[in-house]
């Protein structure tokens, strides 16, 4: 180990020192390089950070108010109202808002800004993250020209330091509206009148066998001078009411009105239940330009049943024609229905009339709920009635008192003049004289010449003096006589020569 020389040892020492030195310098260089990179990174990052902060600051300054609202679009007919909703979202500063509109136009025609309404029109404080809802209505005039209308709605905001606006676009398609309208409906139930609007219930209740009248008034509400033609009015009720009817109406000029009345009878108690029944009223027509028009109302009719209610189902008299001197008493036949909701055991029938000797009363009729009863009653006629038509009045009561009458009806009885035996014989003789019998006898074997036909009864009037044939023959005879006289005279004159 001591074999190396001093120079070699020095060389090793120097090499080791170099290595150590070199490693130290390398470590120092790496530290310096890392420091330089950090410095350079900071130098590059700072401007970028400053730029981002500037952009954010700039954005914050310009976007302190951030509102978002939806546009509006839709279709609406003349004389109707468009409805829409604007939702305004705020993602910026607290703001107060106000809403306004400008005219909406299709280029030639205008929907006035005054026909545009908002609810609410202002909002005092819309905070960050809140949403405001604005209802928009636009009234379309009766004569607004059809077309596509566009415009804007302006939202004006204020955040306390600044004021600005946001715009909402609107597009409306205006179509031709209905100009044949139901102007008024009047309903009469058993004589009680009530005016009814679309969707309403008739104020008067109806009962089985109630008489109901519905009068419908129709109007042509065009502002332009356009006629509406081929108008039909229809009543279409619930099936249980069994009422469907349609009538034509005269043409209507601009602004004209016309009415038509429908009448029906509520079905009998056995065919209808208590309840509310829908009645649809439908009006259709066509204007002179070929456009269809239609209006429809729906009303309700309340049908109730009385607790005690007797109603006539049928009334007849047999025979309905009798002679004044007859001894026959005609038979009155009535069928009575218990249309109420309670049984009746004291029903009373009252029969009166000028042709009767006395009034006829039938007492203690027993009719259960929903059942009917038939009664036959002989009518005692007065003697020596004058020929003519007599009314027999029939009333029914649930109790034998006047206040409990529930139905009344009448039947006709015709009294003929009496006929005697002499009048009958004269009529028979007149009939025999009017008959004409023609008899053609059969000729016997070997008979020659004419066969003569004999007649009985009134002779033929073929050669009456007043007949045309008679006058023609008379003229012919006169002409022949004149000719004969002329011939004879000529012959005589010739003989003298």
Protein backbone atom coordinates (compact mmCIF):
# COMPACT_ATOMS: atom_id res chain seq x y z
CA UNK A 1 0.00 0.00 0.00
CA UNK A 2 3.02 2.20 0.29
CA UNK A 3 4.27 1.30 -3.10
CA UNK A 4 2.78 4.45 -4.69
CA UNK A 5 4.93 7.43 -5.02
CA UNK A 6 4.17 10.79 -3.52
CA UNK A 7 3.21 12.17 -6.82
CA UNK A 8 0.60 9.51 -7.23
CA UNK A 9 -0.84 10.23 -3.85
CA UNK A 10 -0.99 13.89 -4.67
CA UNK A 11 -2.71 13.06 -7.88
CA UNK A 12 -5.40 11.04 -6.04
CA UNK A 13 -5.86 13.81 -3.59
CA UNK A 14 -6.19 16.37 -6.30
CA UNK A 15 -8.70 14.15 -8.18
CA UNK A 16 -10.82 13.68 -5.12
CA UNK A 17 -10.78 17.35 -4.48
CA UNK A 18 -11.86 17.98 -8.01
CA UNK A 19 -14.70 15.58 -7.67
CA UNK A 20 -15.86 17.15 -4.48
CA UNK A 21 -15.55 20.57 -5.94
CA UNK A 22 -17.37 19.57 -9.05
CA UNK A 23 -20.28 18.09 -7.07
CA UNK A 24 -20.57 21.23 -4.96
CA UNK A 25 -20.59 23.42 -8.02
CA UNK A 26 -23.28 21.25 -9.62
CA UNK A 27 -25.49 21.45 -6.58
CA UNK A 28 -25.07 25.19 -6.47
CA UNK A 29 -25.90 25.52 -10.13
CA UNK A 30 -29.09 23.50 -9.68
CA UNK A 31 -30.13 25.71 -6.83
CA UNK A 32 -29.50 28.79 -8.91
CA UNK A 33 -31.38 27.40 -11.88
CA UNK A 34 -34.41 26.49 -9.71
CA UNK A 35 -34.39 29.95 -8.23
CA UNK A 36 -34.23 31.50 -11.67
CA UNK A 37 -37.14 29.31 -12.86
CA UNK A 38 -39.24 30.31 -9.84
CA UNK A 39 -38.48 33.91 -10.53
CA UNK A 40 -39.36 33.51 -14.17
CA UNK A 41 -42.58 31.61 -13.31
CA UNK A 42 -43.57 34.36 -10.90
CA UNK A 43 -42.79 36.88 -13.58
CA UNK A 44 -45.04 35.08 -16.06
CA UNK A 45 -47.84 34.29 -13.53
CA UNK A 46 -48.19 37.78 -12.13
CA UNK A 47 -49.28 39.43 -15.39
CA UNK A 48 -51.70 36.57 -16.08
CA UNK A 49 -53.14 36.92 -12.61
CA UNK A 50 -53.37 40.64 -13.04
CA UNK A 51 -55.11 40.11 -16.41
CA UNK A 52 -57.66 37.71 -14.90
CA UNK A 53 -58.27 40.06 -12.01
CA UNK A 54 -58.72 42.92 -14.43
CA UNK A 55 -61.17 40.94 -16.53
CA UNK A 56 -63.10 39.92 -13.43
CA UNK A 57 -63.10 43.47 -12.21
CA UNK A 58 -64.26 44.67 -15.60
CA UNK A 59 -66.94 41.96 -15.76
CA UNK A 60 -68.11 42.82 -12.29
CA UNK A 61 -68.39 46.44 -13.20
CA UNK A 62 -70.37 45.70 -16.40
CA UNK A 63 -72.38 42.72 -15.12
CA UNK A 64 -73.46 43.99 -11.74
CA UNK A 65 -77.02 43.55 -13.08
CA UNK A 66 -77.71 40.23 -14.82
CA UNK A 67 -81.33 39.64 -15.94
CA UNK A 68 -82.68 36.86 -18.12
CA UNK A 69 -86.24 36.92 -19.57
CA UNK A 70 -88.13 34.73 -22.06
CA UNK A 71 -89.60 35.93 -25.36
CA UNK A 72 -93.33 35.71 -26.10
CA UNK A 73 -95.19 34.18 -29.04
CA UNK A 74 -98.68 32.84 -29.73
CA UNK A 75 -101.86 32.83 -31.80
CA UNK A 76 -104.96 34.87 -31.05
CA UNK A 77 -108.24 35.61 -32.84
CA UNK A 78 -109.88 38.96 -33.44
CA UNK A 79 -111.69 40.42 -30.40
CA UNK A 80 -109.99 37.94 -28.09
CA UNK A 81 -107.22 38.49 -25.54
CA UNK A 82 -103.75 36.98 -25.76
CA UNK A 83 -102.24 35.97 -22.42
CA UNK A 84 -98.58 35.20 -21.74
CA UNK A 85 -96.00 35.22 -18.96
CA UNK A 86 -92.52 36.76 -18.71
CA UNK A 87 -90.15 35.15 -16.18
CA UNK A 88 -87.27 37.44 -15.16
CA UNK A 89 -84.29 35.81 -13.44
CA UNK A 90 -81.71 37.94 -11.57
CA UNK A 91 -78.14 36.69 -11.11
CA UNK A 92 -76.66 40.10 -10.33
CA UNK A 93 -77.21 43.02 -7.98
CA UNK A 94 -80.54 43.73 -6.36
CA UNK A 95 -82.62 45.79 -8.76
CA UNK A 96 -86.00 47.48 -9.14
CA UNK A 97 -87.88 46.91 -12.40
CA UNK A 98 -90.56 48.54 -14.55
CA UNK A 99 -92.24 47.05 -17.63
CA UNK A 100 -93.40 48.87 -20.76
CA UNK A 101 -94.37 48.01 -24.36
CA UNK A 102 -94.22 49.63 -27.76
CA UNK A 103 -96.68 49.22 -30.63
CA UNK A 104 -96.78 45.80 -32.26
CA UNK A 105 -97.00 45.80 -36.04
CA UNK A 106 -97.18 43.54 -39.07
CA UNK A 107 -95.68 46.22 -41.27
CA UNK A 108 -99.00 47.75 -42.35
CA UNK A 109 -101.25 47.42 -39.32
CA UNK A 110 -100.66 48.08 -35.65
CA UNK A 111 -101.71 46.72 -32.28
CA UNK A 112 -101.49 49.74 -30.02
CA UNK A 113 -99.21 49.68 -27.01
CA UNK A 114 -102.25 50.80 -25.06
CA UNK A 115 -103.80 47.36 -25.66
CA UNK A 116 -100.84 45.67 -23.92
CA UNK A 117 -101.12 45.33 -20.14
CA UNK A 118 -98.79 43.95 -17.45
CA UNK A 119 -99.36 42.69 -13.94
CA UNK A 120 -97.46 43.86 -12.04
CA UNK A 121 -96.03 46.80 -13.93
CA UNK A 122 -93.22 47.41 -11.43
CA UNK A 123 -91.10 45.36 -9.01
CA UNK A 124 -89.46 47.28 -6.18
CA UNK A 125 -86.70 44.80 -5.28
CA UNK A 126 -85.55 41.74 -7.19
CA UNK A 127 -82.66 40.17 -5.22
CA UNK A 128 -79.84 38.08 -6.57
CA UNK A 129 -81.15 34.57 -7.32
CA UNK A 130 -84.82 35.63 -7.37
CA UNK A 131 -87.30 35.18 -10.25
CA UNK A 132 -90.11 37.62 -11.02
CA UNK A 133 -93.23 36.65 -12.99
CA UNK A 134 -95.02 39.22 -15.13
CA UNK A 135 -98.46 38.43 -16.64
CA UNK A 136 -98.98 39.93 -20.10
CA UNK A 137 -102.37 40.47 -21.78
CA UNK A 138 -102.95 41.91 -25.24
CA UNK A 139 -106.49 42.84 -26.34
CA UNK A 140 -107.17 42.30 -30.04
CA UNK A 141 -109.75 44.59 -31.64
CA UNK A 142 -112.83 43.27 -33.38
CA UNK A 143 -111.61 44.51 -36.75
CA UNK A 144 -107.86 43.89 -36.31
CA UNK A 145 -106.48 42.73 -39.64
CA UNK A 146 -105.21 39.13 -39.60
CA UNK A 147 -101.43 38.80 -39.88
CA UNK A 148 -98.16 38.20 -38.00
CA UNK A 149 -97.35 41.05 -35.61
CA UNK A 150 -93.95 41.60 -33.97
CA UNK A 151 -92.69 44.03 -31.34
CA UNK A 152 -90.75 44.41 -28.13
CA UNK A 153 -91.39 44.70 -24.42
CA UNK A 154 -88.83 46.71 -22.43
CA UNK A 155 -87.69 45.88 -18.89
CA UNK A 156 -86.05 48.93 -17.28
CA UNK A 157 -83.84 48.20 -14.24
CA UNK A 158 -82.11 50.28 -11.59
CA UNK A 159 -79.58 48.94 -9.04
CA UNK A 160 -79.30 52.14 -7.06
CA UNK A 161 -76.40 53.57 -9.01
CA UNK A 162 -77.11 52.70 -12.60
CA UNK A 163 -80.12 52.31 -14.93
CA UNK A 164 -80.38 50.01 -17.93
CA UNK A 165 -82.81 48.02 -20.06
CA UNK A 166 -83.44 44.47 -21.21
CA UNK A 167 -85.66 43.60 -24.22
CA UNK A 168 -88.25 40.88 -24.65
CA UNK A 169 -89.36 40.05 -28.20
CA UNK A 170 -93.00 39.25 -28.98
CA UNK A 171 -94.58 37.65 -32.05
CA UNK A 172 -98.36 37.28 -32.45
CA UNK A 173 -100.32 35.55 -35.22
CA UNK A 174 -103.72 37.29 -35.41
CA UNK A 175 -106.45 35.19 -37.05
CA UNK A 176 -109.99 35.94 -38.22
CA UNK A 177 -112.35 35.64 -35.25
CA UNK A 178 -115.94 34.48 -34.87
CA UNK A 179 -118.47 37.20 -35.70
CA UNK A 180 -121.69 35.23 -35.28
CA UNK A 181 -122.34 35.44 -31.57
CA UNK A 182 -125.02 34.37 -29.14
CA UNK A 183 -126.06 37.70 -27.74
CA UNK A 184 -128.71 36.67 -25.19
CA UNK A 185 -130.48 33.56 -23.90
CA UNK A 186 -133.80 33.74 -22.05
CA UNK A 187 -135.36 30.65 -20.44
CA UNK A 188 -139.01 30.45 -19.38
CA UNK A 189 -140.01 27.58 -17.07
CA UNK A 190 -143.74 27.17 -16.45
CA UNK A 191 -144.25 30.87 -17.19
CA UNK A 192 -141.35 32.13 -15.04
CA UNK A 193 -138.67 33.92 -17.08
CA UNK A 194 -134.94 34.02 -16.37
CA UNK A 195 -132.06 35.49 -18.38
CA UNK A 196 -129.07 33.12 -18.40
CA UNK A 197 -125.41 33.66 -19.28
CA UNK A 198 -123.02 31.12 -20.75
CA UNK A 199 -122.14 28.49 -18.13
CA UNK A 200 -124.93 29.46 -15.75
CA UNK A 201 -127.81 27.46 -14.30
CA UNK A 202 -131.40 28.47 -15.01
CA UNK A 203 -132.78 30.19 -11.93
CA UNK A 204 -136.19 28.49 -12.14
CA UNK A 205 -136.43 24.79 -11.32
CA UNK A 206 -138.32 22.52 -13.69
CA UNK A 207 -140.46 19.51 -12.84
CA UNK A 208 -141.70 16.52 -14.83
CA UNK A 209 -144.10 17.83 -17.48
CA UNK A 210 -142.86 21.43 -17.05
CA UNK A 211 -143.07 23.60 -20.16
CA UNK A 212 -139.68 25.09 -21.03
CA UNK A 213 -139.00 27.81 -23.60
CA UNK A 214 -135.52 28.90 -24.65
CA UNK A 215 -135.17 32.06 -26.73
CA UNK A 216 -131.77 32.56 -28.38
CA UNK A 217 -130.77 35.98 -29.73
CA UNK A 218 -128.00 35.95 -32.34
CA UNK A 219 -125.92 38.90 -33.63
CA UNK A 220 -123.59 39.61 -36.54
CA UNK A 221 -120.96 41.76 -34.79
CA UNK A 222 -118.77 42.48 -37.83
CA UNK A 223 -117.49 46.05 -37.96
CA UNK A 224 -117.06 45.62 -41.69
CA UNK A 225 -120.08 45.49 -44.00
CA UNK A 226 -120.16 41.68 -44.28
CA UNK A 227 -123.31 39.54 -44.21
CA UNK A 228 -123.53 36.16 -42.48
CA UNK A 229 -125.70 33.56 -44.21
CA UNK A 230 -126.96 29.96 -43.80
CA UNK A 231 -127.44 30.44 -40.06
CA UNK A 232 -128.58 27.48 -37.97
CA UNK A 233 -129.42 27.44 -34.27
CA UNK A 234 -129.39 24.08 -32.47
CA UNK A 235 -130.48 22.93 -29.03
CA UNK A 236 -128.72 19.75 -27.88
CA UNK A 237 -129.65 18.58 -24.38
CA UNK A 238 -128.67 15.59 -22.25
CA UNK A 239 -130.17 12.34 -23.49
CA UNK A 240 -132.58 12.01 -20.57
CA UNK A 241 -134.24 15.28 -21.54
CA UNK A 242 -134.79 13.84 -25.02
CA UNK A 243 -134.46 17.23 -26.69
CA UNK A 244 -132.51 17.93 -29.85
CA UNK A 245 -133.85 20.55 -32.21
CA UNK A 246 -132.48 22.70 -35.01
CA UNK A 247 -133.94 25.75 -36.77
CA UNK A 248 -132.82 28.00 -39.61
CA UNK A 249 -132.50 31.75 -39.18
CA UNK A 250 -132.60 34.57 -41.71
CA UNK A 251 -129.35 36.10 -42.95
CA UNK A 252 -127.86 38.82 -40.75
CA UNK A 253 -126.26 42.00 -41.98
CA UNK A 254 -123.56 43.83 -40.02
CA UNK A 255 -124.83 44.71 -36.55
CA UNK A 256 -128.20 42.94 -37.04
CA UNK A 257 -129.80 40.68 -34.43
CA UNK A 258 -132.50 38.05 -34.63
CA UNK A 259 -134.15 35.67 -32.15
CA UNK A 260 -135.58 32.19 -32.31
CA UNK A 261 -137.57 30.29 -29.65
CA UNK A 262 -137.51 26.57 -28.87
CA UNK A 263 -140.18 24.88 -26.74
CA UNK A 264 -140.24 21.47 -25.13
CA UNK A 265 -141.84 19.57 -22.27
CA UNK A 266 -139.81 17.90 -19.55
CA UNK A 267 -140.43 14.13 -19.70
CA UNK A 268 -142.79 12.48 -17.26
CA UNK A 269 -141.58 11.46 -13.83
CA UNK A 270 -141.17 7.83 -14.82
CA UNK A 271 -138.70 8.78 -17.55
CA UNK A 272 -136.49 11.30 -15.78
CA UNK A 273 -134.59 11.56 -12.49
CA UNK A 274 -133.95 14.55 -10.31
CA UNK A 275 -130.71 16.34 -11.15
CA UNK A 276 -128.96 18.97 -13.24
CA UNK A 277 -129.05 18.60 -17.02
CA UNK A 278 -126.76 20.26 -19.56
CA UNK A 279 -128.24 22.09 -22.54
CA UNK A 280 -125.88 23.15 -25.34
CA UNK A 281 -126.86 26.02 -27.65
CA UNK A 282 -124.92 26.01 -30.92
CA UNK A 283 -125.02 28.68 -33.63
CA UNK A 284 -123.29 28.26 -37.00
CA UNK A 285 -123.15 30.32 -40.18
CA UNK A 286 -120.98 31.38 -43.10
CA UNK A 287 -120.09 34.89 -44.17
CA UNK A 288 -120.21 36.11 -47.74
CA UNK A 289 -116.45 35.54 -48.05
CA UNK A 290 -116.84 31.84 -47.27
CA UNK A 291 -115.50 31.99 -43.69
CA UNK A 292 -117.21 29.75 -41.12
CA UNK A 293 -118.50 31.22 -37.86
CA UNK A 294 -119.65 29.37 -34.75
CA UNK A 295 -120.63 30.20 -31.19
CA UNK A 296 -121.65 27.83 -28.43
CA UNK A 297 -123.15 28.30 -24.99
CA UNK A 298 -123.75 25.72 -22.28
CA UNK A 299 -126.47 26.25 -19.68
CA UNK A 300 -127.88 23.99 -16.97
CA UNK A 301 -131.47 23.11 -16.10
CA UNK A 302 -132.31 21.81 -12.64
CA UNK A 303 -135.09 19.18 -12.66
CA UNK A 304 -136.71 18.45 -9.31
CA UNK A 305 -139.69 16.41 -8.19
CA UNK A 306 -142.42 17.59 -5.83
CA UNK A 307 -143.30 15.54 -2.78
CA UNK A 308 -146.97 15.32 -3.79
CA UNK A 309 -147.71 15.63 -7.48
CA UNK A 310 -150.47 14.05 -9.60
CA UNK A 311 -150.29 14.57 -13.36
CA UNK A 312 -152.58 13.62 -16.25
CA UNK A 313 -151.00 11.25 -18.75
CA UNK A 314 -154.03 11.00 -21.07
CA UNK A 315 -157.65 12.21 -21.29
CA UNK A 316 -160.37 11.16 -23.75
CA UNK A 317 -164.18 11.19 -24.18
CA UNK A 318 -166.04 8.40 -25.97
CA UNK A 319 -168.09 9.07 -27.99
CA UNK A 320 -166.93 12.62 -28.53
CA UNK A 321 -169.95 13.42 -30.80
CA UNK A 322 -173.50 12.97 -29.46
CA UNK A 323 -176.90 14.33 -30.41
CA UNK A 324 -178.65 16.79 -28.15
CA UNK A 325 -181.62 14.46 -27.71
CA UNK A 326 -179.54 11.37 -26.97
CA UNK A 327 -179.87 9.40 -23.79
CA UNK A 328 -176.25 8.22 -23.99
CA UNK A 329 -173.85 9.45 -21.32
CA UNK A 330 -170.37 9.82 -22.84
CA UNK A 331 -167.53 8.15 -20.92
CA UNK A 332 -164.59 10.24 -19.72
CA UNK A 333 -161.39 8.20 -19.44
CA UNK A 334 -158.35 9.64 -17.62
CA UNK A 335 -154.95 8.21 -16.74
CA UNK A 336 -153.28 9.85 -13.75
CA UNK A 337 -149.62 9.48 -12.76
CA UNK A 338 -148.10 10.00 -9.33
CA UNK A 339 -145.10 12.12 -10.34
CA UNK A 340 -144.16 12.99 -6.77
CA UNK A 341 -141.85 11.35 -4.25
CA UNK A 342 -144.60 10.30 -1.79
CA UNK A 343 -147.54 7.89 -1.95
CA UNK A 344 -150.97 9.49 -2.27
CA UNK A 345 -154.16 8.00 -0.81
CA UNK A 346 -156.59 10.93 -0.97
CA UNK A 347 -156.29 11.97 -4.59
CA UNK A 348 -159.36 13.76 -5.92
CA UNK A 349 -160.72 14.26 -9.43
CA UNK A 350 -163.04 17.19 -10.25
CA UNK A 351 -164.93 17.29 -13.58
CA UNK A 352 -166.89 20.39 -14.61
CA UNK A 353 -168.39 21.86 -17.75
CA UNK A 354 -171.36 23.78 -19.16
CA UNK A 355 -172.72 20.63 -20.80
CA UNK A 356 -172.94 18.74 -17.48
CA UNK A 357 -175.94 18.66 -15.13
CA UNK A 358 -173.65 18.68 -12.11
CA UNK A 359 -169.96 18.61 -11.36
CA UNK A 360 -168.49 15.13 -10.95
CA UNK A 361 -166.13 14.33 -8.07
CA UNK A 362 -164.06 11.20 -7.66
CA UNK A 363 -162.50 10.90 -4.21
CA UNK A 364 -159.88 8.87 -2.34
CA UNK A 365 -157.75 7.80 -5.28
CA UNK A 366 -154.82 5.72 -4.04
CA UNK A 367 -151.69 5.98 -6.19
CA UNK A 368 -148.25 4.93 -5.03
CA UNK A 369 -145.08 6.81 -5.96
CA UNK A 370 -144.20 6.22 -9.62
CA UNK A 371 -147.48 4.42 -10.39
CA UNK A 372 -150.45 5.52 -12.48
CA UNK A 373 -154.21 4.99 -12.26
CA UNK A 374 -156.96 4.90 -14.93
CA UNK A 375 -160.48 6.11 -14.14
CA UNK A 376 -163.64 5.99 -16.28
CA UNK A 377 -166.49 8.33 -15.40
CA UNK A 378 -169.94 8.71 -17.06
CA UNK A 379 -170.69 12.36 -17.92
CA UNK A 380 -174.27 13.38 -17.01
CA UNK A 381 -175.36 15.74 -19.81
CA UNK A 382 -177.97 18.45 -19.49
CA UNK A 383 -181.14 18.13 -21.51
CA UNK A 384 -181.88 20.22 -24.59
CA UNK A 385 -178.29 21.24 -25.20
CA UNK A 386 -177.78 23.53 -28.14
CA UNK A 387 -175.62 22.12 -30.89
CA UNK A 388 -172.00 23.18 -30.56
CA UNK A 389 -168.65 22.43 -28.99
CA UNK A 390 -168.38 22.15 -25.20
CA UNK A 391 -165.24 22.00 -23.08
CA UNK A 392 -165.04 19.56 -20.19
CA UNK A 393 -162.52 20.69 -17.55
CA UNK A 394 -160.73 18.05 -15.50
CA UNK A 395 -158.69 18.89 -12.40
CA UNK A 396 -156.73 16.60 -10.10
CA UNK A 397 -155.81 17.24 -6.46
CA UNK A 398 -153.45 15.44 -4.09
CA UNK A 399 -155.86 16.29 -1.26
CA UNK A 400 -159.58 17.17 -1.43
CA UNK A 401 -158.83 20.90 -1.12
CA UNK A 402 -158.50 23.61 -3.77
CA UNK A 403 -154.96 24.49 -2.72
CA UNK A 404 -153.70 21.02 -3.60
CA UNK A 405 -154.45 21.09 -7.32
CA UNK A 406 -151.43 19.79 -9.25
CA UNK A 407 -152.73 19.47 -12.83
CA UNK A 408 -155.58 20.63 -15.02
CA UNK A 409 -156.62 19.71 -18.54
CA UNK A 410 -159.70 19.71 -20.80
CA UNK A 411 -161.45 17.60 -23.41
CA UNK A 412 -163.89 18.52 -26.20
CA UNK A 413 -167.47 17.27 -26.45
CA UNK A 414 -169.45 18.07 -29.62
CA UNK A 415 -173.27 18.22 -29.42
CA UNK A 416 -175.06 17.61 -32.72
CA UNK A 417 -178.58 18.72 -33.61
CA UNK A 418 -181.29 16.07 -33.20
CA UNK A 419 -182.64 14.36 -36.36
CA UNK A 420 -186.38 13.22 -36.65
CA UNK A 421 -187.94 10.30 -38.58
CA UNK A 422 -189.56 12.69 -41.10
CA UNK A 423 -186.21 14.27 -41.88
CA UNK A 424 -184.75 10.82 -42.38
CA UNK A 425 -187.54 9.85 -44.82
CA UNK A 426 -187.14 13.07 -46.81
CA UNK A 427 -183.42 12.50 -47.09
CA UNK A 428 -184.03 8.95 -48.34
CA UNK A 429 -186.55 10.14 -50.97
CA UNK A 430 -184.14 12.78 -52.23
CA UNK A 431 -181.45 10.16 -52.55
CA UNK A 432 -183.80 7.86 -54.53
CA UNK A 433 -184.78 10.67 -56.94
CA UNK A 434 -181.18 11.37 -57.66
CA UNK A 435 -180.52 7.80 -58.73
CA UNK A 436 -180.69 6.93 -62.50
CA UNK A 437 -181.12 3.31 -63.58
CA UNK A 438 -180.56 2.28 -67.23
CA UNK A 439 -182.20 -1.03 -68.28
CA UNK A 440 -181.26 -2.74 -71.56
CA UNK A 441 -183.82 -5.52 -72.37
CA UNK A 442 -182.66 -8.66 -74.16
CA UNK A 443 -184.24 -8.87 -77.66
CA UNK A 444 -186.38 -11.98 -78.41
CA UNK A 445 -185.40 -14.47 -81.14
CA UNK A 446 -186.41 -13.32 -84.61
CA UNK A 447 -187.09 -9.78 -83.63
CA UNK A 448 -185.99 -7.24 -86.19
CA UNK A 449 -185.62 -3.53 -85.99
CA UNK A 450 -184.30 -1.37 -83.17
CA UNK A 451 -183.96 -2.39 -79.58
CA UNK A 452 -185.48 0.27 -77.34
CA UNK A 453 -183.86 1.05 -74.03
CA UNK A 454 -186.13 2.27 -71.28
CA UNK A 455 -185.04 4.43 -68.36
CA UNK A 456 -186.41 5.14 -64.95
CA UNK A 457 -185.77 8.10 -62.78
CA UNK A 458 -184.79 11.55 -63.94
CA UNK A 459 -184.62 11.79 -67.76
CA UNK A 460 -181.42 12.73 -69.50
CA UNK A 461 -180.89 16.43 -69.98
CA UNK A 462 -178.92 16.00 -73.18
CA UNK A 463 -181.56 17.92 -75.29
CA UNK A 464 -182.55 20.54 -72.81
CA UNK A 465 -183.52 23.79 -74.52
CA UNK A 466 -180.69 25.51 -72.86
CA UNK A 467 -178.13 22.96 -73.99
CA UNK A 468 -175.57 23.59 -76.73
CA UNK A 469 -176.67 20.51 -78.67
CA UNK A 470 -180.26 21.72 -78.75
CA UNK A 471 -179.29 25.13 -80.10
CA UNK A 472 -177.07 23.56 -82.75
CA UNK A 473 -179.89 21.32 -83.99
CA UNK A 474 -182.31 24.23 -84.04
CA UNK A 475 -179.94 26.29 -86.16
CA UNK A 476 -179.44 23.35 -88.53
CA UNK A 477 -183.18 22.91 -88.98
CA UNK A 478 -183.64 26.61 -89.69
CA UNK A 479 -180.84 26.52 -92.29
CA UNK A 480 -182.41 23.48 -93.98
CA UNK A 481 -185.79 25.18 -94.07
CA UNK A 482 -184.32 28.26 -95.68
CA UNK A 483 -182.59 26.14 -98.30
CA UNK A 484 -185.79 24.24 -98.97
CA UNK A 485 -187.76 27.48 -99.39
CA UNK A 486 -185.16 28.81 -101.80
CA UNK A 487 -185.26 25.64 -103.87
CA UNK A 488 -189.06 25.62 -104.00
CA UNK A 489 -189.14 29.28 -104.96
CA UNK A 490 -186.61 28.74 -107.74
CA UNK A 491 -188.58 25.84 -109.11
CA UNK A 492 -191.78 27.90 -109.16
CA UNK A 493 -190.15 30.75 -111.00
CA UNK A 494 -188.75 28.35 -113.56
CA UNK A 495 -192.20 26.83 -114.24
CA UNK A 496 -193.69 30.21 -114.98
CA UNK A 497 -191.15 30.85 -117.66
